[in-house]
C-alpha atoms as a PDB file:
ATOM      1  CA  MET A   1      81.313  85.328 108.978  1.00  0.00           C
ATOM      2  CA  LYS A   2      79.362  82.128 108.438  1.00  0.00           C
ATOM      3  CA  ALA A   3      78.167  82.186 112.070  1.00  0.00           C
ATOM      4  CA  LEU A   4      76.830  85.717 111.563  1.00  0.00           C
ATOM      5  CA  THR A   5      75.316  85.468 108.066  1.00  0.00           C
ATOM      6  CA  GLY A   6      74.776  81.733 107.571  1.00  0.00           C
ATOM      7  CA  VAL A   7      76.884  81.908 104.398  1.00  0.00           C
ATOM      8  CA  ASP A   8      80.412  80.532 104.014  1.00  0.00           C
ATOM      9  CA  THR A   9      82.091  83.461 102.257  1.00  0.00           C
ATOM     10  CA  ASP A  10      85.328  81.524 101.688  1.00  0.00           C
ATOM     11  CA  ARG A  11      84.622  80.448  98.111  1.00  0.00           C
ATOM     12  CA  LEU A  12      88.062  79.166  97.106  1.00  0.00           C
ATOM     13  CA  LYS A  13      89.480  75.721  97.812  1.00  0.00           C
ATOM     14  CA  GLU A  14      92.725  77.384  98.924  1.00  0.00           C
ATOM     15  CA  GLU A  15      90.849  79.410 101.547  1.00  0.00           C
ATOM     16  CA  ARG A  16      89.209  76.338 103.054  1.00  0.00           C
ATOM     17  CA  GLU A  17      92.456  74.374 103.087  1.00  0.00           C
ATOM     18  CA  ARG A  18      94.504  77.155 104.680  1.00  0.00           C
ATOM     19  CA  GLY A  19      91.768  78.432 106.981  1.00  0.00           C
ATOM     20  CA  ILE A  20      92.262  82.069 105.953  1.00  0.00           C
ATOM     21  CA  THR A  21      90.409  84.434 103.637  1.00  0.00           C
ATOM     22  CA  VAL A  22      92.408  85.137 100.465  1.00  0.00           C
ATOM     23  CA  ASP A  23      89.940  86.923  98.181  1.00  0.00           C
ATOM     24  CA  LEU A  24      86.626  88.716  98.523  1.00  0.00           C
ATOM     25  CA  GLY A  25      83.558  86.832  99.710  1.00  0.00           C
ATOM     26  CA  PHE A  26      79.956  87.985  99.558  1.00  0.00           C
ATOM     27  CA  ALA A  27      76.806  87.433 101.592  1.00  0.00           C
ATOM     28  CA  GLU A  28      73.469  88.967 102.514  1.00  0.00           C
ATOM     29  CA  TYR A  29      72.812  89.706 106.177  1.00  0.00           C
ATOM     30  CA  GLN A  30      69.526  90.843 107.734  1.00  0.00           C
ATOM     31  CA  PRO A  31      69.910  91.244 111.504  1.00  0.00           C
ATOM     32  CA  THR A  32      66.480  92.897 111.918  1.00  0.00           C
ATOM     33  CA  ASP A  33      63.328  93.257 109.821  1.00  0.00           C
ATOM     34  CA  ASP A  34      64.152  96.835 108.799  1.00  0.00           C
ATOM     35  CA  VAL A  35      67.887  96.539 108.019  1.00  0.00           C
ATOM     36  CA  ILE A  36      69.607  94.458 105.357  1.00  0.00           C
ATOM     37  CA  PHE A  37      73.303  94.467 104.551  1.00  0.00           C
ATOM     38  CA  GLY A  38      75.252  93.492 101.483  1.00  0.00           C
ATOM     39  CA  VAL A  39      78.350  91.984 103.112  1.00  0.00           C
ATOM     40  CA  VAL A  40      81.820  91.934 101.586  1.00  0.00           C
ATOM     41  CA  ASP A  41      84.153  89.667 103.565  1.00  0.00           C
ATOM     42  CA  VAL A  42      87.715  90.904 102.999  1.00  0.00           C
ATOM     43  CA  PRO A  43      91.042  89.209 103.815  1.00  0.00           C
ATOM     44  CA  GLY A  44      92.656  90.033 107.139  1.00  0.00           C
ATOM     45  CA  HIS A  45      96.109  88.665 106.353  1.00  0.00           C
ATOM     46  CA  GLU A  46      98.706  91.337 105.601  1.00  0.00           C
ATOM     47  CA  GLY A  47      99.675  89.522 102.393  1.00  0.00           C
ATOM     48  CA  PHE A  48      96.252  90.210 100.854  1.00  0.00           C
ATOM     49  CA  ILE A  49      95.737  93.892 101.699  1.00  0.00           C
ATOM     50  CA  ARG A  50      95.302  94.728  97.989  1.00  0.00           C
ATOM     51  CA  ASN A  51      92.209  92.497  97.929  1.00  0.00           C
ATOM     52  CA  MET A  52      91.011  94.022 101.191  1.00  0.00           C
ATOM     53  CA  LEU A  53      91.244  97.488  99.626  1.00  0.00           C
ATOM     54  CA  ALA A  54      89.192  96.408  96.608  1.00  0.00           C
ATOM     55  CA  GLY A  55      86.453  95.054  98.862  1.00  0.00           C
ATOM     56  CA  ALA A  56      86.332  97.952 101.327  1.00  0.00           C
ATOM     57  CA  THR A  57      85.552 100.545  98.667  1.00  0.00           C
ATOM     58  CA  GLY A  58      82.130 102.161  98.922  1.00  0.00           C
ATOM     59  CA  MET A  59      81.336 100.830 102.394  1.00  0.00           C
ATOM     60  CA  ASP A  60      78.889 102.535 104.781  1.00  0.00           C
ATOM     61  CA  LEU A  61      79.933 100.408 107.749  1.00  0.00           C
ATOM     62  CA  VAL A  62      82.968  98.285 108.610  1.00  0.00           C
ATOM     63  CA  LEU A  63      83.092  95.406 111.094  1.00  0.00           C
ATOM     64  CA  LEU A  64      86.659  95.212 112.417  1.00  0.00           C
ATOM     65  CA  VAL A  65      87.472  91.670 113.551  1.00  0.00           C
ATOM     66  CA  VAL A  66      90.030  91.091 116.312  1.00  0.00           C
ATOM     67  CA  ALA A  67      90.759  87.568 117.576  1.00  0.00           C
ATOM     68  CA  ALA A  68      90.498  87.587 121.368  1.00  0.00           C
ATOM     69  CA  ASP A  69      93.332  85.060 121.743  1.00  0.00           C
ATOM     70  CA  GLU A  70      95.719  87.238 119.718  1.00  0.00           C
ATOM     71  CA  GLY A  71      94.643  90.835 120.357  1.00  0.00           C
ATOM     72  CA  VAL A  72      95.520  93.793 118.156  1.00  0.00           C
ATOM     73  CA  MET A  73      97.914  92.750 115.367  1.00  0.00           C
ATOM     74  CA  PRO A  74      99.924  94.911 112.914  1.00  0.00           C
ATOM     75  CA  GLN A  75      97.372  94.190 110.191  1.00  0.00           C
ATOM     76  CA  THR A  76      94.609  95.368 112.549  1.00  0.00           C
ATOM     77  CA  ARG A  77      96.277  98.767 112.731  1.00  0.00           C
ATOM     78  CA  GLU A  78      96.784  98.876 108.960  1.00  0.00           C
ATOM     79  CA  HIS A  79      93.148  97.945 108.287  1.00  0.00           C
ATOM     80  CA  LEU A  80      91.980 100.666 110.666  1.00  0.00           C
ATOM     81  CA  SER A  81      94.184 103.235 108.889  1.00  0.00           C
ATOM     82  CA  ILE A  82      92.772 102.168 105.516  1.00  0.00           C
ATOM     83  CA  VAL A  83      89.173 102.449 106.740  1.00  0.00           C
ATOM     84  CA  ARG A  84      89.877 106.016 107.902  1.00  0.00           C
ATOM     85  CA  LEU A  85      91.619 106.937 104.652  1.00  0.00           C
ATOM     86  CA  LEU A  86      88.651 105.632 102.646  1.00  0.00           C
ATOM     87  CA  GLY A  87      86.311 107.899 104.588  1.00  0.00           C
ATOM     88  CA  VAL A  88      84.138 105.179 106.137  1.00  0.00           C
ATOM     89  CA  HIS A  89      82.077 106.844 108.882  1.00  0.00           C
ATOM     90  CA  ARG A  90      80.831 103.878 110.908  1.00  0.00           C
ATOM     91  CA  LEU A  91      82.661 100.996 112.551  1.00  0.00           C
ATOM     92  CA  ALA A  92      81.945  98.185 114.998  1.00  0.00           C
ATOM     93  CA  VAL A  93      84.360  95.666 116.522  1.00  0.00           C
ATOM     94  CA  ALA A  94      83.899  91.911 116.951  1.00  0.00           C
ATOM     95  CA  LEU A  95      86.212  90.168 119.414  1.00  0.00           C
ATOM     96  CA  THR A  96      86.092  86.640 118.004  1.00  0.00           C
ATOM     97  CA  LYS A  97      87.135  83.363 119.654  1.00  0.00           C
ATOM     98  CA  SER A  98      86.075  84.795 123.015  1.00  0.00           C
ATOM     99  CA  ASP A  99      85.322  81.262 124.252  1.00  0.00           C
ATOM    100  CA  LEU A 100      89.038  80.419 124.063  1.00  0.00           C
ATOM    101  CA  VAL A 101      90.237  82.984 126.631  1.00  0.00           C
ATOM    102  CA  GLU A 102      89.682  83.765 130.306  1.00  0.00           C
ATOM    103  CA  GLY A 103      87.561  86.727 131.335  1.00  0.00           C
ATOM    104  CA  GLU A 104      90.530  88.786 132.562  1.00  0.00           C
ATOM    105  CA  TRP A 105      92.357  88.327 129.257  1.00  0.00           C
ATOM    106  CA  LEU A 106      89.225  89.297 127.321  1.00  0.00           C
ATOM    107  CA  GLU A 107      88.999  92.513 129.357  1.00  0.00           C
ATOM    108  CA  LEU A 108      92.629  93.316 128.529  1.00  0.00           C
ATOM    109  CA  VAL A 109      92.018  92.807 124.809  1.00  0.00           C
ATOM    110  CA  GLU A 110      88.907  94.997 124.962  1.00  0.00           C
ATOM    111  CA  GLU A 111      90.979  97.716 126.667  1.00  0.00           C
ATOM    112  CA  GLU A 112      93.650  97.387 123.987  1.00  0.00           C
ATOM    113  CA  VAL A 113      91.062  97.837 121.233  1.00  0.00           C
ATOM    114  CA  GLY A 114      89.572 100.815 123.062  1.00  0.00           C
ATOM    115  CA  GLU A 115      93.007 102.461 123.237  1.00  0.00           C
ATOM    116  CA  LEU A 116      93.520 101.805 119.517  1.00  0.00           C
ATOM    117  CA  LEU A 117      90.240 103.546 118.667  1.00  0.00           C
ATOM    118  CA  GLU A 118      90.556 106.349 121.211  1.00  0.00           C
ATOM    119  CA  SER A 119      92.276 108.885 118.942  1.00  0.00           C
ATOM    120  CA  THR A 120      90.179 108.009 115.863  1.00  0.00           C
ATOM    121  CA  PRO A 121      86.657 108.949 114.700  1.00  0.00           C
ATOM    122  CA  TYR A 122      85.573 105.519 115.985  1.00  0.00           C
ATOM    123  CA  ALA A 123      86.229 106.145 119.689  1.00  0.00           C
ATOM    124  CA  ARG A 124      82.599 105.281 120.544  1.00  0.00           C
ATOM    125  CA  ALA A 125      82.386 102.233 118.296  1.00  0.00           C
ATOM    126  CA  PRO A 126      80.555  99.271 119.880  1.00  0.00           C
ATOM    127  CA  ILE A 127      82.833  96.364 120.862  1.00  0.00           C
ATOM    128  CA  HIS A 128      81.263  92.917 121.232  1.00  0.00           C
ATOM    129  CA  ALA A 129      82.865  89.644 122.322  1.00  0.00           C
ATOM    130  CA  VAL A 130      81.512  86.786 120.186  1.00  0.00           C
ATOM    131  CA  SER A 131      82.044  83.087 119.579  1.00  0.00           C
ATOM    132  CA  SER A 132      81.148  81.306 116.364  1.00  0.00           C
ATOM    133  CA  LEU A 133      81.313  78.005 118.254  1.00  0.00           C
ATOM    134  CA  THR A 134      78.860  78.801 121.071  1.00  0.00           C
ATOM    135  CA  GLY A 135      76.946  81.658 119.425  1.00  0.00           C
ATOM    136  CA  GLN A 136      77.765  83.947 122.331  1.00  0.00           C
ATOM    137  CA  GLY A 137      77.300  87.649 121.546  1.00  0.00           C
ATOM    138  CA  LEU A 138      76.157  87.219 117.940  1.00  0.00           C
ATOM    139  CA  GLU A 139      72.642  88.526 118.580  1.00  0.00           C
ATOM    140  CA  GLU A 140      73.973  91.556 120.450  1.00  0.00           C
ATOM    141  CA  LEU A 141      76.463  92.228 117.667  1.00  0.00           C
ATOM    142  CA  GLY A 142      73.666  92.021 115.103  1.00  0.00           C
ATOM    143  CA  ASP A 143      71.620  94.574 117.043  1.00  0.00           C
ATOM    144  CA  ALA A 144      74.625  96.934 117.192  1.00  0.00           C
ATOM    145  CA  LEU A 145      75.191  96.609 113.452  1.00  0.00           C
ATOM    146  CA  ALA A 146      71.516  97.251 112.767  1.00  0.00           C
ATOM    147  CA  ASN A 147      71.627 100.438 114.858  1.00  0.00           C
ATOM    148  CA  LEU A 148      74.639 101.678 112.886  1.00  0.00           C
ATOM    149  CA  GLY A 149      72.981 100.674 109.618  1.00  0.00           C
ATOM    150  CA  ARG A 150      69.960 102.832 110.434  1.00  0.00           C
ATOM    151  CA  GLU A 151      72.281 105.847 110.662  1.00  0.00           C
ATOM    152  CA  ALA A 152      73.490 105.453 107.070  1.00  0.00           C
ATOM    153  CA  GLU A 153      72.175 108.137 104.751  1.00  0.00           C
ATOM    154  CA  GLU A 154      70.348 106.965 101.655  1.00  0.00           C
ATOM    155  CA  LYS A 155      72.320 107.881  98.568  1.00  0.00           C
ATOM    156  CA  GLY A 156      70.646 109.886  95.827  1.00  0.00           C
ATOM    157  CA  THR A 157      69.994 108.479  92.370  1.00  0.00           C
ATOM    158  CA  ASP A 158      70.133 111.702  90.358  1.00  0.00           C
ATOM    159  CA  ASP A 159      73.886 111.350  89.708  1.00  0.00           C
ATOM    160  CA  VAL A 160      75.509 109.451  86.848  1.00  0.00           C
ATOM    161  CA  ALA A 161      75.980 105.739  87.500  1.00  0.00           C
ATOM    162  CA  ARG A 162      79.403 104.389  88.456  1.00  0.00           C
ATOM    163  CA  LEU A 163      80.141 100.808  89.513  1.00  0.00           C
ATOM    164  CA  PRO A 164      83.756  99.847  90.380  1.00  0.00           C
ATOM    165  CA  ILE A 165      84.015  96.178  89.392  1.00  0.00           C
ATOM    166  CA  ASP A 166      85.288  93.746  92.020  1.00  0.00           C
ATOM    167  CA  ARG A 167      84.324  90.452  90.348  1.00  0.00           C
ATOM    168  CA  VAL A 168      83.528  89.165  86.865  1.00  0.00           C
ATOM    169  CA  PHE A 169      82.307  85.727  85.792  1.00  0.00           C
ATOM    170  CA  THR A 170      80.090  83.932  83.272  1.00  0.00           C
ATOM    171  CA  ILE A 171      76.783  82.178  83.968  1.00  0.00           C
ATOM    172  CA  LYS A 172      75.499  79.752  81.389  1.00  0.00           C
ATOM    173  CA  GLY A 173      72.470  81.264  79.718  1.00  0.00           C
ATOM    174  CA  ALA A 174      73.048  84.674  81.324  1.00  0.00           C
ATOM    175  CA  GLY A 175      76.386  85.658  79.807  1.00  0.00           C
ATOM    176  CA  THR A 176      78.932  87.943  81.439  1.00  0.00           C
ATOM    177  CA  VAL A 177      78.177  89.181  84.983  1.00  0.00           C
ATOM    178  CA  VAL A 178      80.037  91.910  86.891  1.00  0.00           C
ATOM    179  CA  THR A 179      79.551  92.742  90.562  1.00  0.00           C
ATOM    180  CA  GLY A 180      80.407  95.643  92.827  1.00  0.00           C
ATOM    181  CA  THR A 181      79.092  98.326  95.149  1.00  0.00           C
ATOM    182  CA  LEU A 182      77.223 100.948  93.122  1.00  0.00           C
ATOM    183  CA  TRP A 183      78.914 104.228  94.084  1.00  0.00           C
ATOM    184  CA  THR A 184      76.571 106.714  92.456  1.00  0.00           C
ATOM    185  CA  GLY A 185      73.381 106.981  90.430  1.00  0.00           C
ATOM    186  CA  GLN A 186      71.259 104.020  89.427  1.00  0.00           C
ATOM    187  CA  LEU A 187      71.397 101.244  86.843  1.00  0.00           C
ATOM    188  CA  GLN A 188      68.329 100.101  84.953  1.00  0.00           C
ATOM    189  CA  GLU A 189      67.609  96.960  82.981  1.00  0.00           C
ATOM    190  CA  GLY A 190      68.076  97.669  79.282  1.00  0.00           C
ATOM    191  CA  GLY A 191      70.445 100.584  79.867  1.00  0.00           C
ATOM    192  CA  ARG A 192      73.562 101.124  77.761  1.00  0.00           C
ATOM    193  CA  VAL A 193      76.869 101.090  79.649  1.00  0.00           C
ATOM    194  CA  LYS A 194      80.623 101.229  79.082  1.00  0.00           C
ATOM    195  CA  ILE A 195      83.515  99.479  80.814  1.00  0.00           C
ATOM    196  CA  LEU A 196      86.421 101.884  81.425  1.00  0.00           C
ATOM    197  CA  PRO A 197      89.353 102.040  81.001  1.00  0.00           C
ATOM    198  CA  GLY A 198      88.854 100.075  77.808  1.00  0.00           C
ATOM    199  CA  SER A 199      86.534 100.100  74.830  1.00  0.00           C
ATOM    200  CA  GLN A 200      83.802  97.643  75.826  1.00  0.00           C
ATOM    201  CA  GLU A 201      80.178  98.662  75.452  1.00  0.00           C
ATOM    202  CA  ALA A 202      77.181  96.633  76.516  1.00  0.00           C
ATOM    203  CA  ARG A 203      73.495  96.578  77.379  1.00  0.00           C
ATOM    204  CA  ILE A 204      72.269  95.667  80.866  1.00  0.00           C
ATOM    205  CA  ARG A 205      70.544  92.331  80.491  1.00  0.00           C
ATOM    206  CA  SER A 206      69.676  91.800  84.168  1.00  0.00           C
ATOM    207  CA  ILE A 207      70.281  93.227  87.637  1.00  0.00           C
ATOM    208  CA  GLN A 208      70.334  91.425  90.968  1.00  0.00           C
ATOM    209  CA  VAL A 209      70.382  92.998  94.435  1.00  0.00           C
ATOM    210  CA  HIS A 210      70.753  90.627  97.399  1.00  0.00           C
ATOM    211  CA  GLY A 211      70.191  87.728  95.020  1.00  0.00           C
ATOM    212  CA  GLN A 212      66.827  89.042  93.815  1.00  0.00           C
ATOM    213  CA  GLU A 213      66.092  90.090  90.232  1.00  0.00           C
ATOM    214  CA  VAL A 214      65.204  93.803  90.089  1.00  0.00           C
ATOM    215  CA  LEU A 215      64.534  96.327  87.335  1.00  0.00           C
ATOM    216  CA  ARG A 216      66.995  98.862  88.770  1.00  0.00           C
ATOM    217  CA  GLY A 217      69.833  99.079  91.265  1.00  0.00           C
ATOM    218  CA  ARG A 218      70.364 102.171  93.393  1.00  0.00           C
ATOM    219  CA  ALA A 219      73.534 103.800  94.730  1.00  0.00           C
ATOM    220  CA  GLY A 220      74.857 102.105  97.850  1.00  0.00           C
ATOM    221  CA  ALA A 221      73.626  98.627  96.933  1.00  0.00           C
ATOM    222  CA  ARG A 222      75.671  95.546  96.161  1.00  0.00           C
ATOM    223  CA  VAL A 223      74.663  94.688  92.593  1.00  0.00           C
ATOM    224  CA  ALA A 224      75.292  91.929  90.072  1.00  0.00           C
ATOM    225  CA  VAL A 225      74.845  93.160  86.519  1.00  0.00           C
ATOM    226  CA  GLY A 226      74.340  90.786  83.608  1.00  0.00           C
ATOM    227  CA  LEU A 227      75.717  92.201  80.359  1.00  0.00           C
ATOM    228  CA  SER A 228      75.006  91.473  76.720  1.00  0.00           C
ATOM    229  CA  GLY A 229      76.611  92.759  73.547  1.00  0.00           C
ATOM    230  CA  GLY A 230      79.036  91.653  70.897  1.00  0.00           C
ATOM    231  CA  ARG A 231      81.933  93.678  72.332  1.00  0.00           C
ATOM    232  CA  VAL A 232      81.841  92.418  75.889  1.00  0.00           C
ATOM    233  CA  GLY A 233      83.224  89.162  77.282  1.00  0.00           C
ATOM    234  CA  HIS A 234      84.330  88.115  80.753  1.00  0.00           C
ATOM    235  CA  GLN A 235      87.896  87.524  79.558  1.00  0.00           C
ATOM    236  CA  ASP A 236      88.148  91.205  78.572  1.00  0.00           C
ATOM    237  CA  ILE A 237      86.924  92.633  81.907  1.00  0.00           C
ATOM    238  CA  ASN A 238      88.957  92.776  85.112  1.00  0.00           C
ATOM    239  CA  ARG A 239      88.709  93.929  88.698  1.00  0.00           C
ATOM    240  CA  GLY A 240      89.703  97.597  88.722  1.00  0.00           C
ATOM    241  CA  GLN A 241      87.669  98.611  85.690  1.00  0.00           C
ATOM    242  CA  VAL A 242      84.494 100.650  86.167  1.00  0.00           C
ATOM    243  CA  LEU A 243      81.032 100.224  84.656  1.00  0.00           C
ATOM    244  CA  VAL A 244      79.531 103.641  83.824  1.00  0.00           C
ATOM    245  CA  GLU A 245      76.618 105.237  82.029  1.00  0.00           C
ATOM    246  CA  GLY A 246      76.935 108.349  79.890  1.00  0.00           C
ATOM    247  CA  ASP A 247      79.585 109.842  77.617  1.00  0.00           C
ATOM    248  CA  GLY A 248      81.322 112.257  79.997  1.00  0.00           C
ATOM    249  CA  TRP A 249      83.848 109.821  81.441  1.00  0.00           C
ATOM    250  CA  GLU A 250      87.507 109.941  80.466  1.00  0.00           C
ATOM    251  CA  PRO A 251      90.234 107.701  81.951  1.00  0.00           C
ATOM    252  CA  SER A 252      93.212 109.672  83.216  1.00  0.00           C
ATOM    253  CA  TRP A 253      96.983 109.138  83.433  1.00  0.00           C
ATOM    254  CA  MET A 254      97.346 111.868  86.086  1.00  0.00           C
ATOM    255  CA  LEU A 255      95.607 112.737  89.348  1.00  0.00           C
ATOM    256  CA  THR A 256      95.990 115.960  91.324  1.00  0.00           C
ATOM    257  CA  CYS A 257      95.505 115.141  95.013  1.00  0.00           C
ATOM    258  CA  LEU A 258      95.816 116.412  98.555  1.00  0.00           C
ATOM    259  CA  LEU A 259      97.898 113.636 100.108  1.00  0.00           C
ATOM    260  CA  SER A 260      98.389 112.879 103.800  1.00  0.00           C
ATOM    261  CA  LEU A 261     100.684 110.389 105.500  1.00  0.00           C
ATOM    262  CA  VAL A 262      99.382 108.291 108.386  1.00  0.00           C
ATOM    263  CA  PRO A 263     100.794 109.588 111.692  1.00  0.00           C
ATOM    264  CA  ASP A 264     102.530 106.340 112.676  1.00  0.00           C
ATOM    265  CA  SER A 265     104.132 105.689 109.279  1.00  0.00           C
ATOM    266  CA  ASP A 266     107.807 104.732 109.191  1.00  0.00           C
ATOM    267  CA  TRP A 267     107.982 106.125 105.653  1.00  0.00           C
ATOM    268  CA  ASP A 268     108.541 109.559 104.189  1.00  0.00           C
ATOM    269  CA  LEU A 269     107.049 110.455 100.803  1.00  0.00           C
ATOM    270  CA  GLU A 270     109.741 111.882  98.545  1.00  0.00           C
ATOM    271  CA  GLN A 271     109.778 113.707  95.228  1.00  0.00           C
ATOM    272  CA  GLY A 272     109.583 111.170  92.391  1.00  0.00           C
ATOM    273  CA  GLN A 273     108.869 108.224  94.694  1.00  0.00           C
ATOM    274  CA  ARG A 274     107.154 105.223  93.126  1.00  0.00           C
ATOM    275  CA  VAL A 275     104.000 104.133  94.959  1.00  0.00           C
ATOM    276  CA  ARG A 276     100.955 101.904  94.561  1.00  0.00           C
ATOM    277  CA  ILE A 277      97.699 103.840  94.161  1.00  0.00           C
ATOM    278  CA  HIS A 278      94.318 102.346  95.078  1.00  0.00           C
ATOM    279  CA  VAL A 279      91.151 104.066  93.830  1.00  0.00           C
ATOM    280  CA  GLY A 280      87.907 102.118  93.947  1.00  0.00           C
ATOM    281  CA  THR A 281      88.834  98.538  93.067  1.00  0.00           C
ATOM    282  CA  SER A 282      91.850  99.525  90.951  1.00  0.00           C
ATOM    283  CA  GLU A 283      95.548  99.359  91.808  1.00  0.00           C
ATOM    284  CA  VAL A 284      98.130 101.119  89.633  1.00  0.00           C
ATOM    285  CA  LEU A 285     101.729 102.213  90.037  1.00  0.00           C
ATOM    286  CA  ALA A 286     102.562 105.918  89.981  1.00  0.00           C
ATOM    287  CA  ARG A 287     105.323 108.476  90.499  1.00  0.00           C
ATOM    288  CA  VAL A 288     104.718 111.296  92.979  1.00  0.00           C
ATOM    289  CA  ALA A 289     105.355 114.910  91.952  1.00  0.00           C
ATOM    290  CA  LEU A 290     105.066 117.039  95.103  1.00  0.00           C
ATOM    291  CA  PHE A 291     104.075 120.661  94.433  1.00  0.00           C
ATOM    292  CA  ASP A 292     105.513 122.754  97.278  1.00  0.00           C
ATOM    293  CA  GLN A 293     108.082 120.573  99.027  1.00  0.00           C
ATOM    294  CA  GLU A 294     110.582 117.816  98.419  1.00  0.00           C
ATOM    295  CA  ARG A 295     109.326 115.477 101.150  1.00  0.00           C
ATOM    296  CA  LEU A 296     106.287 114.665 103.286  1.00  0.00           C
ATOM    297  CA  ARG A 297     106.786 113.075 106.698  1.00  0.00           C
ATOM    298  CA  ALA A 298     104.462 111.049 108.930  1.00  0.00           C
ATOM    299  CA  GLY A 299     101.340 113.028 109.786  1.00  0.00           C
ATOM    300  CA  GLU A 300     101.992 115.742 107.188  1.00  0.00           C
ATOM    301  CA  GLU A 301      99.918 116.596 104.131  1.00  0.00           C
ATOM    302  CA  GLY A 302     100.541 118.363 100.843  1.00  0.00           C
ATOM    303  CA  TRP A 303      99.381 118.731  97.255  1.00  0.00           C
ATOM    304  CA  ALA A 304     100.870 116.470  94.612  1.00  0.00           C
ATOM    305  CA  GLN A 305     100.357 115.127  91.124  1.00  0.00           C
ATOM    306  CA  LEU A 306     100.301 111.368  90.695  1.00  0.00           C
ATOM    307  CA  ARG A 307     101.685 110.321  87.319  1.00  0.00           C
ATOM    308  CA  LEU A 308     100.175 106.916  86.697  1.00  0.00           C
ATOM    309  CA  GLU A 309     101.694 104.002  84.807  1.00  0.00           C
ATOM    310  CA  GLU A 310      98.202 102.902  83.687  1.00  0.00           C
ATOM    311  CA  PRO A 311      95.053 104.996  83.213  1.00  0.00           C
ATOM    312  CA  ILE A 312      92.249 104.804  85.768  1.00  0.00           C
ATOM    313  CA  LEU A 313      88.786 106.299  86.156  1.00  0.00           C
ATOM    314  CA  ALA A 314      88.534 108.840  88.982  1.00  0.00           C
ATOM    315  CA  ARG A 315      86.461 111.833  89.980  1.00  0.00           C
ATOM    316  CA  VAL A 316      86.832 114.940  92.152  1.00  0.00           C
ATOM    317  CA  GLY A 317      86.377 113.987  95.803  1.00  0.00           C
ATOM    318  CA  ASP A 318      87.286 110.306  95.433  1.00  0.00           C
ATOM    319  CA  HIS A 319      89.255 108.820  98.315  1.00  0.00           C
ATOM    320  CA  LEU A 320      92.495 107.039  97.469  1.00  0.00           C
ATOM    321  CA  VAL A 321      95.045 105.023  99.432  1.00  0.00           C
ATOM    322  CA  PHE A 322      98.717 104.822  98.541  1.00  0.00           C
ATOM    323  CA  ARG A 323     101.170 102.142  99.569  1.00  0.00           C
ATOM    324  CA  SER A 324     104.920 101.796  99.252  1.00  0.00           C
ATOM    325  CA  TYR A 325     106.289 100.017  96.210  1.00  0.00           C
ATOM    326  CA  SER A 326     108.541  97.619  98.141  1.00  0.00           C
ATOM    327  CA  PRO A 327     108.251  96.387 100.824  1.00  0.00           C
ATOM    328  CA  VAL A 328     104.537  96.984 100.528  1.00  0.00           C
ATOM    329  CA  THR A 329     102.807  98.818 103.382  1.00  0.00           C
ATOM    330  CA  THR A 330     100.181 101.544 103.668  1.00  0.00           C
ATOM    331  CA  ILE A 331     101.739 105.019 103.803  1.00  0.00           C
ATOM    332  CA  GLY A 332      98.749 107.330 103.508  1.00  0.00           C
ATOM    333  CA  GLY A 333      95.815 108.492 101.444  1.00  0.00           C
ATOM    334  CA  GLY A 334      94.227 111.481  99.801  1.00  0.00           C
END
């Protein structure tokens, strides 16, 4: 990601020591004069899928990274399933470390990726071989991403504002700051907001988009929101909560959903089964109450009620992903 954006998105000492992404990283990327991206670098390792899910929420475009010397891995397939379940419409593929393999091997890996995408909505996704060491293919990849970015529809601002929080920290002199991808509406400096679930209320002290101070942030943008108020502190806010405007929001302990299992799942979904539910940046445990049947099998869908062990904020039409309780793997979505 550093070769593409110029920013080292591995913020943690552990990430640099181990050479793998553990938590979310953030960068700004402008491949052309007319397109600018707010980048969320998510973990690829299967042990950190929960962090990947938190970062992938609200995306217009996903860059799927496949190492050319390894090819398609199990986590590649799981990431692709999650992207589909979240309703992301656009995808591109980067074949990294292409300088480490022979041309024939690179062709085989590209074929393998093409076969993986063939039966998905991303069958025509651009695939580019790149090298962070030599710079090969990075310009072409940037052009492909810019073309896909131009296809993204601008989100309206006449809806109520909702910001799933993926990070919270304190800046000296600026107070508590939360970040995330603004799902709907717009946020304006001086506006009154709430953090739900919970009882925190605050005023918007400042807004940044792509590192620049602005008076308002619009839906679809990566935003950092500085908060002020006696009832808000960074120790009381966590990833998974949602910053909202207005009084109509109510956290819920139950969700009624149309669930579907991924076609290649080894799991069935049974009446009363305990699962992990991901909505926005939140993860909660739940029991499944199927409406019309006792079991769903791979590739099947059905209506169910999810009885949550903690309340979350959700809305009609939200995409969710559910994973098995143990061992943890992605089963489906809704």
